[in-house]
PDB file of N, CA and C in Angstrom:
ATOM      1  N   LYS A   1     -16.370   8.952 -18.805  1.00  0.00           N
ATOM      2  CA  LYS A   1     -14.915   9.004 -18.913  1.00  0.00           C
ATOM      3  C   LYS A   1     -14.314   9.585 -17.630  1.00  0.00           C
ATOM      4  N   ASN A   2     -14.936  10.651 -17.126  1.00  0.00           N
ATOM      5  CA  ASN A   2     -14.390  11.286 -15.930  1.00  0.00           C
ATOM      6  C   ASN A   2     -14.398  10.324 -14.747  1.00  0.00           C
ATOM      7  N   THR A   3     -15.523   9.612 -14.581  1.00  0.00           N
ATOM      8  CA  THR A   3     -15.619   8.681 -13.459  1.00  0.00           C
ATOM      9  C   THR A   3     -14.581   7.574 -13.615  1.00  0.00           C
ATOM     10  N   HIS A   4     -14.310   7.159 -14.852  1.00  0.00           N
ATOM     11  CA  HIS A   4     -13.321   6.103 -15.077  1.00  0.00           C
ATOM     12  C   HIS A   4     -11.951   6.555 -14.565  1.00  0.00           C
ATOM     13  N   ILE A   5     -11.591   7.798 -14.867  1.00  0.00           N
ATOM     14  CA  ILE A   5     -10.298   8.327 -14.403  1.00  0.00           C
ATOM     15  C   ILE A   5     -10.287   8.374 -12.875  1.00  0.00           C
ATOM     16  N   LYS A   6     -11.410   8.786 -12.294  1.00  0.00           N
ATOM     17  CA  LYS A   6     -11.473   8.861 -10.826  1.00  0.00           C
ATOM     18  C   LYS A   6     -11.267   7.479 -10.217  1.00  0.00           C
ATOM     19  N   THR A   7     -11.945   6.474 -10.773  1.00  0.00           N
ATOM     20  CA  THR A   7     -11.806   5.125 -10.222  1.00  0.00           C
ATOM     21  C   THR A   7     -10.370   4.638 -10.396  1.00  0.00           C
ATOM     22  N   MET A   8      -9.758   4.953 -11.529  1.00  0.00           N
ATOM     23  CA  MET A   8      -8.376   4.531 -11.748  1.00  0.00           C
ATOM     24  C   MET A   8      -7.460   5.151 -10.695  1.00  0.00           C
ATOM     25  N   LYS A   9      -7.659   6.455 -10.428  1.00  0.00           N
ATOM     26  CA  LYS A   9      -6.840   7.120  -9.407  1.00  0.00           C
ATOM     27  C   LYS A   9      -7.058   6.463  -8.049  1.00  0.00           C
ATOM     28  N   ARG A  10      -8.332   6.166  -7.735  1.00  0.00           N
ATOM     29  CA  ARG A  10      -8.640   5.568  -6.432  1.00  0.00           C
ATOM     30  C   ARG A  10      -7.974   4.204  -6.311  1.00  0.00           C
ATOM     31  N   VAL A  11      -8.047   3.407  -7.386  1.00  0.00           N
ATOM     32  CA  VAL A  11      -7.442   2.070  -7.347  1.00  0.00           C
ATOM     33  C   VAL A  11      -5.933   2.181  -7.178  1.00  0.00           C
ATOM     34  N   SER A  12      -5.306   3.099  -7.936  1.00  0.00           N
ATOM     35  CA  SER A  12      -3.853   3.255  -7.849  1.00  0.00           C
ATOM     36  C   SER A  12      -3.472   3.732  -6.448  1.00  0.00           C
ATOM     37  N   TYR A  13      -4.265   4.627  -5.856  1.00  0.00           N
ATOM     38  CA  TYR A  13      -3.974   5.119  -4.510  1.00  0.00           C
ATOM     39  C   TYR A  13      -4.090   3.978  -3.500  1.00  0.00           C
ATOM     40  N   GLY A  14      -5.145   3.166  -3.638  1.00  0.00           N
ATOM     41  CA  GLY A  14      -5.325   2.032  -2.730  1.00  0.00           C
ATOM     42  C   GLY A  14      -4.164   1.059  -2.866  1.00  0.00           C
ATOM     43  N   PHE A  15      -3.684   0.852  -4.098  1.00  0.00           N
ATOM     44  CA  PHE A  15      -2.563  -0.057  -4.311  1.00  0.00           C
ATOM     45  C   PHE A  15      -1.317   0.488  -3.632  1.00  0.00           C
ATOM     46  N   LYS A  16      -1.099   1.805  -3.740  1.00  0.00           N
ATOM     47  CA  LYS A  16       0.069   2.422  -3.098  1.00  0.00           C
ATOM     48  C   LYS A  16       0.005   2.227  -1.589  1.00  0.00           C
ATOM     49  N   SER A  17      -1.174   2.513  -0.994  1.00  0.00           N
ATOM     50  CA  SER A  17      -1.317   2.376   0.455  1.00  0.00           C
ATOM     51  C   SER A  17      -1.114   0.917   0.852  1.00  0.00           C
ATOM     52  N   PHE A  18      -1.594  -0.027   0.017  1.00  0.00           N
ATOM     53  CA  PHE A  18      -1.414  -1.451   0.313  1.00  0.00           C
ATOM     54  C   PHE A  18       0.067  -1.801   0.292  1.00  0.00           C
ATOM     55  N   GLU A  19       0.798  -1.272  -0.696  1.00  0.00           N
ATOM     56  CA  GLU A  19       2.241  -1.527  -0.780  1.00  0.00           C
ATOM     57  C   GLU A  19       2.934  -0.982   0.465  1.00  0.00           C
ATOM     58  N   ASN A  20       2.583   0.235   0.890  1.00  0.00           N
ATOM     59  CA  ASN A  20       3.196   0.825   2.085  1.00  0.00           C
ATOM     60  C   ASN A  20       2.898  -0.035   3.301  1.00  0.00           C
ATOM     61  N   MET A  21       1.653  -0.541   3.404  1.00  0.00           N
ATOM     62  CA  MET A  21       1.282  -1.373   4.542  1.00  0.00           C
ATOM     63  C   MET A  21       2.125  -2.646   4.542  1.00  0.00           C
ATOM     64  N   ARG A  22       2.319  -3.247   3.346  1.00  0.00           N
ATOM     65  CA  ARG A  22       3.101  -4.476   3.262  1.00  0.00           C
ATOM     66  C   ARG A  22       4.541  -4.212   3.681  1.00  0.00           C
ATOM     67  N   ILE A  23       5.106  -3.091   3.223  1.00  0.00           N
ATOM     68  CA  ILE A  23       6.493  -2.752   3.585  1.00  0.00           C
ATOM     69  C   ILE A  23       6.593  -2.533   5.092  1.00  0.00           C
ATOM     70  N   ARG A  24       5.583  -1.854   5.668  1.00  0.00           N
ATOM     71  CA  ARG A  24       5.596  -1.587   7.111  1.00  0.00           C
ATOM     72  C   ARG A  24       5.557  -2.909   7.877  1.00  0.00           C
ATOM     73  N   ILE A  25       4.682  -3.829   7.449  1.00  0.00           N
ATOM     74  CA  ILE A  25       4.585  -5.125   8.138  1.00  0.00           C
ATOM     75  C   ILE A  25       5.916  -5.862   8.012  1.00  0.00           C
ATOM     76  N   PHE A  26       6.537  -5.789   6.820  1.00  0.00           N
ATOM     77  CA  PHE A  26       7.823  -6.455   6.609  1.00  0.00           C
ATOM     78  C   PHE A  26       8.878  -5.887   7.553  1.00  0.00           C
ATOM     79  N   LEU A  27       8.934  -4.556   7.692  1.00  0.00           N
ATOM     80  CA  LEU A  27       9.918  -3.933   8.579  1.00  0.00           C
ATOM     81  C   LEU A  27       9.655  -4.324  10.026  1.00  0.00           C
ATOM     82  N   ILE A  28       8.371  -4.356  10.420  1.00  0.00           N
ATOM     83  CA  ILE A  28       8.035  -4.728  11.803  1.00  0.00           C
ATOM     84  C   ILE A  28       8.487  -6.158  12.067  1.00  0.00           C
ATOM     85  N   ASN A  29       8.267  -7.063  11.098  1.00  0.00           N
ATOM     86  CA  ASN A  29       8.696  -8.451  11.269  1.00  0.00           C
ATOM     87  C   ASN A  29      10.210  -8.511  11.402  1.00  0.00           C
ATOM     88  N   GLN A  30      10.936  -7.703  10.640  1.00  0.00           N
ATOM     89  CA  GLN A  30      12.395  -7.677  10.723  1.00  0.00           C
ATOM     90  C   GLN A  30      12.833  -7.229  12.119  1.00  0.00           C
ATOM     91  N   LEU A  31      12.180  -6.197  12.655  1.00  0.00           N
ATOM     92  CA  LEU A  31      12.539  -5.714  13.991  1.00  0.00           C
ATOM     93  C   LEU A  31      12.301  -6.805  15.026  1.00  0.00           C
ATOM     94  N   ILE A  32      11.183  -7.523  14.898  1.00  0.00           N
ATOM     95  CA  ILE A  32      10.873  -8.590  15.858  1.00  0.00           C
ATOM     96  C   ILE A  32      11.928  -9.687  15.755  1.00  0.00           C
ATOM     97  N   ASN A  33      12.349 -10.004  14.520  1.00  0.00           N
ATOM     98  CA  ASN A  33      13.354 -11.054  14.341  1.00  0.00           C
ATOM     99  C   ASN A  33      14.688 -10.623  14.938  1.00  0.00           C
ATOM    100  N   VAL A  34      15.026  -9.332  14.841  1.00  0.00           N
ATOM    101  CA  VAL A  34      16.293  -8.849  15.396  1.00  0.00           C
ATOM    102  C   VAL A  34      16.289  -9.040  16.907  1.00  0.00           C
ATOM    103  N   ARG A  35      15.154  -8.729  17.538  1.00  0.00           N
ATOM    104  CA  ARG A  35      15.077  -8.904  18.981  1.00  0.00           C
ATOM    105  C   ARG A  35      14.992 -10.388  19.309  1.00  0.00           C
TER     106      ARG A  35
END
């Protein structure tokens, strides 16, 4: 049970970092389009 919770936290953390990366790439693309 404990390991299951750990894996869930790890997956959720990875998903958060992936979302941040996607937002960062989106913002960078917007900046390039502005220029």
